[in-house]
Amino acid sequence: MAASVKSLTKHFKEVRQELKKVHWPNRKELTTFTSLVLAGIISVGVFFWLLDTVFGVALKLILQ
């Protein structure tokens, strides 16, 4: 059991060291990246909505 506690402690120390190496975005970068992601999600959503609408209308015309 002592070995598992030591390995767990070592793991968390290594995690802390690695987190110090991470480049954390500043407020401007975070706002920019968030805006880009939201714009992309909305664009893809609108694209698939239009595609679904077109195929739905085409299917109705075919089946009538």
PDB file of N, CA and C in Angstrom:
ATOM      1  N   MET A   1       0.822  -1.195   0.000  1.00  0.00           N
ATOM      2  CA  MET A   1       0.000   0.000   0.000  1.00  0.00           C
ATOM      3  C   MET A   1       0.865   1.257   0.000  1.00  0.00           C
ATOM      4  N   ALA A   2       1.985   1.217   0.693  1.00  0.00           N
ATOM      5  CA  ALA A   2       2.880   2.377   0.748  1.00  0.00           C
ATOM      6  C   ALA A   2       3.441   2.683  -0.635  1.00  0.00           C
ATOM      7  N   ALA A   3       3.666   1.631  -1.430  1.00  0.00           N
ATOM      8  CA  ALA A   3       4.192   1.835  -2.781  1.00  0.00           C
ATOM      9  C   ALA A   3       3.159   2.554  -3.647  1.00  0.00           C
ATOM     10  N   SER A   4       1.893   2.216  -3.497  1.00  0.00           N
ATOM     11  CA  SER A   4       0.870   2.864  -4.303  1.00  0.00           C
ATOM     12  C   SER A   4       0.692   4.325  -3.902  1.00  0.00           C
ATOM     13  N   VAL A   5       0.849   4.639  -2.625  1.00  0.00           N
ATOM     14  CA  VAL A   5       0.757   6.030  -2.171  1.00  0.00           C
ATOM     15  C   VAL A   5       1.928   6.826  -2.720  1.00  0.00           C
ATOM     16  N   LYS A   6       3.124   6.220  -2.710  1.00  0.00           N
ATOM     17  CA  LYS A   6       4.304   6.908  -3.254  1.00  0.00           C
ATOM     18  C   LYS A   6       4.147   7.143  -4.752  1.00  0.00           C
ATOM     19  N   SER A   7       3.647   6.150  -5.474  1.00  0.00           N
ATOM     20  CA  SER A   7       3.488   6.317  -6.919  1.00  0.00           C
ATOM     21  C   SER A   7       2.401   7.348  -7.227  1.00  0.00           C
ATOM     22  N   LEU A   8       1.369   7.382  -6.411  1.00  0.00           N
ATOM     23  CA  LEU A   8       0.314   8.373  -6.604  1.00  0.00           C
ATOM     24  C   LEU A   8       0.845   9.776  -6.339  1.00  0.00           C
ATOM     25  N   THR A   9       1.638   9.927  -5.285  1.00  0.00           N
ATOM     26  CA  THR A   9       2.249  11.217  -4.965  1.00  0.00           C
ATOM     27  C   THR A   9       3.179  11.651  -6.096  1.00  0.00           C
ATOM     28  N   LYS A  10       3.976  10.723  -6.590  1.00  0.00           N
ATOM     29  CA  LYS A  10       4.889  11.028  -7.698  1.00  0.00           C
ATOM     30  C   LYS A  10       4.095  11.453  -8.937  1.00  0.00           C
ATOM     31  N   HIS A  11       3.007  10.757  -9.194  1.00  0.00           N
ATOM     32  CA  HIS A  11       2.170  11.085 -10.352  1.00  0.00           C
ATOM     33  C   HIS A  11       1.670  12.528 -10.257  1.00  0.00           C
ATOM     34  N   PHE A  12       1.150  12.923  -9.103  1.00  0.00           N
ATOM     35  CA  PHE A  12       0.614  14.275  -8.963  1.00  0.00           C
ATOM     36  C   PHE A  12       1.702  15.335  -9.029  1.00  0.00           C
ATOM     37  N   LYS A  13       2.903  15.029  -8.554  1.00  0.00           N
ATOM     38  CA  LYS A  13       4.020  15.971  -8.686  1.00  0.00           C
ATOM     39  C   LYS A  13       4.377  16.160 -10.153  1.00  0.00           C
ATOM     40  N   GLU A  14       4.384  15.069 -10.914  1.00  0.00           N
ATOM     41  CA  GLU A  14       4.693  15.157 -12.334  1.00  0.00           C
ATOM     42  C   GLU A  14       3.604  15.902 -13.091  1.00  0.00           C
ATOM     43  N   VAL A  15       2.362  15.700 -12.697  1.00  0.00           N
ATOM     44  CA  VAL A  15       1.255  16.430 -13.330  1.00  0.00           C
ATOM     45  C   VAL A  15       1.417  17.922 -13.083  1.00  0.00           C
ATOM     46  N   ARG A  16       1.761  18.300 -11.875  1.00  0.00           N
ATOM     47  CA  ARG A  16       1.955  19.713 -11.541  1.00  0.00           C
ATOM     48  C   ARG A  16       3.087  20.310 -12.369  1.00  0.00           C
ATOM     49  N   GLN A  17       4.175  19.565 -12.540  1.00  0.00           N
ATOM     50  CA  GLN A  17       5.301  20.046 -13.344  1.00  0.00           C
ATOM     51  C   GLN A  17       4.887  20.244 -14.801  1.00  0.00           C
ATOM     52  N   GLU A  18       4.120  19.307 -15.329  1.00  0.00           N
ATOM     53  CA  GLU A  18       3.686  19.420 -16.721  1.00  0.00           C
ATOM     54  C   GLU A  18       2.716  20.585 -16.914  1.00  0.00           C
ATOM     55  N   LEU A  19       1.846  20.825 -15.934  1.00  0.00           N
ATOM     56  CA  LEU A  19       0.905  21.933 -16.046  1.00  0.00           C
ATOM     57  C   LEU A  19       1.604  23.278 -16.043  1.00  0.00           C
ATOM     58  N   LYS A  20       2.784  23.358 -15.434  1.00  0.00           N
ATOM     59  CA  LYS A  20       3.552  24.603 -15.461  1.00  0.00           C
ATOM     60  C   LYS A  20       4.083  24.887 -16.862  1.00  0.00           C
ATOM     61  N   LYS A  21       4.224  23.863 -17.696  1.00  0.00           N
ATOM     62  CA  LYS A  21       4.738  24.024 -19.053  1.00  0.00           C
ATOM     63  C   LYS A  21       3.649  24.418 -20.055  1.00  0.00           C
ATOM     64  N   VAL A  22       2.403  24.306 -19.652  1.00  0.00           N
ATOM     65  CA  VAL A  22       1.283  24.571 -20.560  1.00  0.00           C
ATOM     66  C   VAL A  22       1.176  26.070 -20.839  1.00  0.00           C
ATOM     67  N   HIS A  23       0.940  26.402 -22.120  1.00  0.00           N
ATOM     68  CA  HIS A  23       0.686  27.805 -22.483  1.00  0.00           C
ATOM     69  C   HIS A  23      -0.803  28.066 -22.285  1.00  0.00           C
ATOM     70  N   TRP A  24      -1.128  28.813 -21.253  1.00  0.00           N
ATOM     71  CA  TRP A  24      -2.518  29.141 -20.976  1.00  0.00           C
ATOM     72  C   TRP A  24      -2.877  30.405 -21.741  1.00  0.00           C
ATOM     73  N   PRO A  25      -4.001  30.425 -22.472  1.00  0.00           N
ATOM     74  CA  PRO A  25      -4.352  31.610 -23.264  1.00  0.00           C
ATOM     75  C   PRO A  25      -4.757  32.781 -22.373  1.00  0.00           C
ATOM     76  N   ASN A  26      -4.427  33.988 -22.875  1.00  0.00           N
ATOM     77  CA  ASN A  26      -4.876  35.175 -22.145  1.00  0.00           C
ATOM     78  C   ASN A  26      -6.323  35.473 -22.542  1.00  0.00           C
ATOM     79  N   ARG A  27      -6.883  36.516 -21.995  1.00  0.00           N
ATOM     80  CA  ARG A  27      -8.301  36.809 -22.220  1.00  0.00           C
ATOM     81  C   ARG A  27      -8.604  37.066 -23.697  1.00  0.00           C
ATOM     82  N   LYS A  28      -7.722  37.799 -24.394  1.00  0.00           N
ATOM     83  CA  LYS A  28      -7.956  38.109 -25.804  1.00  0.00           C
ATOM     84  C   LYS A  28      -7.924  36.827 -26.649  1.00  0.00           C
ATOM     85  N   GLU A  29      -6.940  35.974 -26.414  1.00  0.00           N
ATOM     86  CA  GLU A  29      -6.842  34.716 -27.151  1.00  0.00           C
ATOM     87  C   GLU A  29      -8.059  33.837 -26.873  1.00  0.00           C
ATOM     88  N   LEU A  30      -8.451  33.767 -25.623  1.00  0.00           N
ATOM     89  CA  LEU A  30      -9.594  32.939 -25.248  1.00  0.00           C
ATOM     90  C   LEU A  30     -10.877  33.419 -25.926  1.00  0.00           C
ATOM     91  N   THR A  31     -11.072  34.733 -25.957  1.00  0.00           N
ATOM     92  CA  THR A  31     -12.247  35.306 -26.607  1.00  0.00           C
ATOM     93  C   THR A  31     -12.225  35.024 -28.108  1.00  0.00           C
ATOM     94  N   THR A  32     -11.053  35.185 -28.725  1.00  0.00           N
ATOM     95  CA  THR A  32     -10.918  34.941 -30.160  1.00  0.00           C
ATOM     96  C   THR A  32     -11.204  33.481 -30.494  1.00  0.00           C
ATOM     97  N   PHE A  33     -10.570  32.569 -29.761  1.00  0.00           N
ATOM     98  CA  PHE A  33     -10.749  31.140 -30.034  1.00  0.00           C
ATOM     99  C   PHE A  33     -12.186  30.692 -29.786  1.00  0.00           C
ATOM    100  N   THR A  34     -12.790  31.215 -28.732  1.00  0.00           N
ATOM    101  CA  THR A  34     -14.180  30.869 -28.432  1.00  0.00           C
ATOM    102  C   THR A  34     -15.107  31.360 -29.538  1.00  0.00           C
ATOM    103  N   SER A  35     -14.874  32.581 -30.015  1.00  0.00           N
ATOM    104  CA  SER A  35     -15.686  33.133 -31.103  1.00  0.00           C
ATOM    105  C   SER A  35     -15.541  32.295 -32.370  1.00  0.00           C
ATOM    106  N   LEU A  36     -14.314  31.875 -32.676  1.00  0.00           N
ATOM    107  CA  LEU A  36     -14.084  31.051 -33.867  1.00  0.00           C
ATOM    108  C   LEU A  36     -14.796  29.703 -33.756  1.00  0.00           C
ATOM    109  N   VAL A  37     -14.733  29.093 -32.588  1.00  0.00           N
ATOM    110  CA  VAL A  37     -15.386  27.797 -32.395  1.00  0.00           C
ATOM    111  C   VAL A  37     -16.904  27.948 -32.519  1.00  0.00           C
ATOM    112  N   LEU A  38     -17.459  28.964 -31.892  1.00  0.00           N
ATOM    113  CA  LEU A  38     -18.912  29.177 -31.977  1.00  0.00           C
ATOM    114  C   LEU A  38     -19.347  29.478 -33.404  1.00  0.00           C
ATOM    115  N   ALA A  39     -18.565  30.298 -34.127  1.00  0.00           N
ATOM    116  CA  ALA A  39     -18.891  30.601 -35.523  1.00  0.00           C
ATOM    117  C   ALA A  39     -18.840  29.332 -36.372  1.00  0.00           C
ATOM    118  N   GLY A  40     -17.861  28.488 -36.115  1.00  0.00           N
ATOM    119  CA  GLY A  40     -17.761  27.233 -36.858  1.00  0.00           C
ATOM    120  C   GLY A  40     -18.928  26.314 -36.574  1.00  0.00           C
ATOM    121  N   ILE A  41     -19.303  26.204 -35.321  1.00  0.00           N
ATOM    122  CA  ILE A  41     -20.431  25.347 -34.942  1.00  0.00           C
ATOM    123  C   ILE A  41     -21.728  25.851 -35.578  1.00  0.00           C
ATOM    124  N   ILE A  42     -21.937  27.152 -35.537  1.00  0.00           N
ATOM    125  CA  ILE A  42     -23.152  27.726 -36.126  1.00  0.00           C
ATOM    126  C   ILE A  42     -23.146  27.519 -37.641  1.00  0.00           C
ATOM    127  N   SER A  43     -21.991  27.725 -38.284  1.00  0.00           N
ATOM    128  CA  SER A  43     -21.898  27.534 -39.737  1.00  0.00           C
ATOM    129  C   SER A  43     -22.210  26.099 -40.135  1.00  0.00           C
ATOM    130  N   VAL A  44     -21.637  25.155 -39.441  1.00  0.00           N
ATOM    131  CA  VAL A  44     -21.884  23.742 -39.751  1.00  0.00           C
ATOM    132  C   VAL A  44     -23.352  23.396 -39.488  1.00  0.00           C
ATOM    133  N   GLY A  45     -23.907  23.917 -38.413  1.00  0.00           N
ATOM    134  CA  GLY A  45     -25.316  23.665 -38.105  1.00  0.00           C
ATOM    135  C   GLY A  45     -26.234  24.208 -39.185  1.00  0.00           C
ATOM    136  N   VAL A  46     -25.969  25.416 -39.647  1.00  0.00           N
ATOM    137  CA  VAL A  46     -26.794  26.019 -40.705  1.00  0.00           C
ATOM    138  C   VAL A  46     -26.634  25.226 -42.002  1.00  0.00           C
ATOM    139  N   PHE A  47     -25.406  24.819 -42.311  1.00  0.00           N
ATOM    140  CA  PHE A  47     -25.157  24.031 -43.518  1.00  0.00           C
ATOM    141  C   PHE A  47     -25.983  22.744 -43.510  1.00  0.00           C
ATOM    142  N   PHE A  48     -25.932  21.998 -42.404  1.00  0.00           N
ATOM    143  CA  PHE A  48     -26.676  20.742 -42.340  1.00  0.00           C
ATOM    144  C   PHE A  48     -28.182  20.963 -42.297  1.00  0.00           C
ATOM    145  N   TRP A  49     -28.621  22.067 -41.699  1.00  0.00           N
ATOM    146  CA  TRP A  49     -30.051  22.385 -41.700  1.00  0.00           C
ATOM    147  C   TRP A  49     -30.527  22.652 -43.128  1.00  0.00           C
ATOM    148  N   LEU A  50     -29.745  23.434 -43.885  1.00  0.00           N
ATOM    149  CA  LEU A  50     -30.104  23.700 -45.278  1.00  0.00           C
ATOM    150  C   LEU A  50     -30.082  22.413 -46.105  1.00  0.00           C
ATOM    151  N   LEU A  51     -29.074  21.595 -45.904  1.00  0.00           N
ATOM    152  CA  LEU A  51     -28.966  20.331 -46.625  1.00  0.00           C
ATOM    153  C   LEU A  51     -30.165  19.439 -46.319  1.00  0.00           C
ATOM    154  N   ASP A  52     -30.552  19.362 -45.065  1.00  0.00           N
ATOM    155  CA  ASP A  52     -31.704  18.563 -44.654  1.00  0.00           C
ATOM    156  C   ASP A  52     -32.989  19.107 -45.274  1.00  0.00           C
ATOM    157  N   THR A  53     -33.124  20.419 -45.309  1.00  0.00           N
ATOM    158  CA  THR A  53     -34.308  21.038 -45.895  1.00  0.00           C
ATOM    159  C   THR A  53     -34.396  20.739 -47.388  1.00  0.00           C
ATOM    160  N   VAL A  54     -33.284  20.887 -48.083  1.00  0.00           N
ATOM    161  CA  VAL A  54     -33.271  20.631 -49.529  1.00  0.00           C
ATOM    162  C   VAL A  54     -33.614  19.169 -49.810  1.00  0.00           C
ATOM    163  N   PHE A  55     -32.986  18.247 -49.076  1.00  0.00           N
ATOM    164  CA  PHE A  55     -33.274  16.830 -49.298  1.00  0.00           C
ATOM    165  C   PHE A  55     -34.712  16.484 -48.917  1.00  0.00           C
ATOM    166  N   GLY A  56     -35.236  17.130 -47.884  1.00  0.00           N
ATOM    167  CA  GLY A  56     -36.641  16.885 -47.492  1.00  0.00           C
ATOM    168  C   GLY A  56     -37.605  17.331 -48.575  1.00  0.00           C
ATOM    169  N   VAL A  57     -37.362  18.511 -49.147  1.00  0.00           N
ATOM    170  CA  VAL A  57     -38.226  19.010 -50.219  1.00  0.00           C
ATOM    171  C   VAL A  57     -38.091  18.116 -51.442  1.00  0.00           C
ATOM    172  N   ALA A  58     -36.865  17.720 -51.780  1.00  0.00           N
ATOM    173  CA  ALA A  58     -36.660  16.851 -52.939  1.00  0.00           C
ATOM    174  C   ALA A  58     -37.360  15.503 -52.749  1.00  0.00           C
ATOM    175  N   LEU A  59     -37.285  14.967 -51.554  1.00  0.00           N
ATOM    176  CA  LEU A  59     -37.937  13.687 -51.267  1.00  0.00           C
ATOM    177  C   LEU A  59     -39.455  13.801 -51.384  1.00  0.00           C
ATOM    178  N   LYS A  60     -40.021  14.906 -50.900  1.00  0.00           N
ATOM    179  CA  LYS A  60     -41.467  15.119 -51.032  1.00  0.00           C
ATOM    180  C   LYS A  60     -41.878  15.207 -52.489  1.00  0.00           C
ATOM    181  N   LEU A  61     -41.062  15.887 -53.305  1.00  0.00           N
ATOM    182  CA  LEU A  61     -41.377  15.993 -54.729  1.00  0.00           C
ATOM    183  C   LEU A  61     -41.291  14.642 -55.423  1.00  0.00           C
ATOM    184  N   ILE A  62     -40.320  13.833 -55.030  1.00  0.00           N
ATOM    185  CA  ILE A  62     -40.154  12.510 -55.626  1.00  0.00           C
ATOM    186  C   ILE A  62     -41.314  11.607 -55.254  1.00  0.00           C
ATOM    187  N   LEU A  63     -41.764  11.659 -54.018  1.00  0.00           N
ATOM    188  CA  LEU A  63     -42.799  10.758 -53.535  1.00  0.00           C
ATOM    189  C   LEU A  63     -44.210  11.163 -53.961  1.00  0.00           C
ATOM    190  N   GLN A  64     -44.386  12.375 -54.438  1.00  0.00           N
ATOM    191  CA  GLN A  64     -45.744  12.815 -54.855  1.00  0.00           C
ATOM    192  C   GLN A  64     -46.063  12.393 -56.245  1.00  0.00           C
TER     193      GLN A  64
END
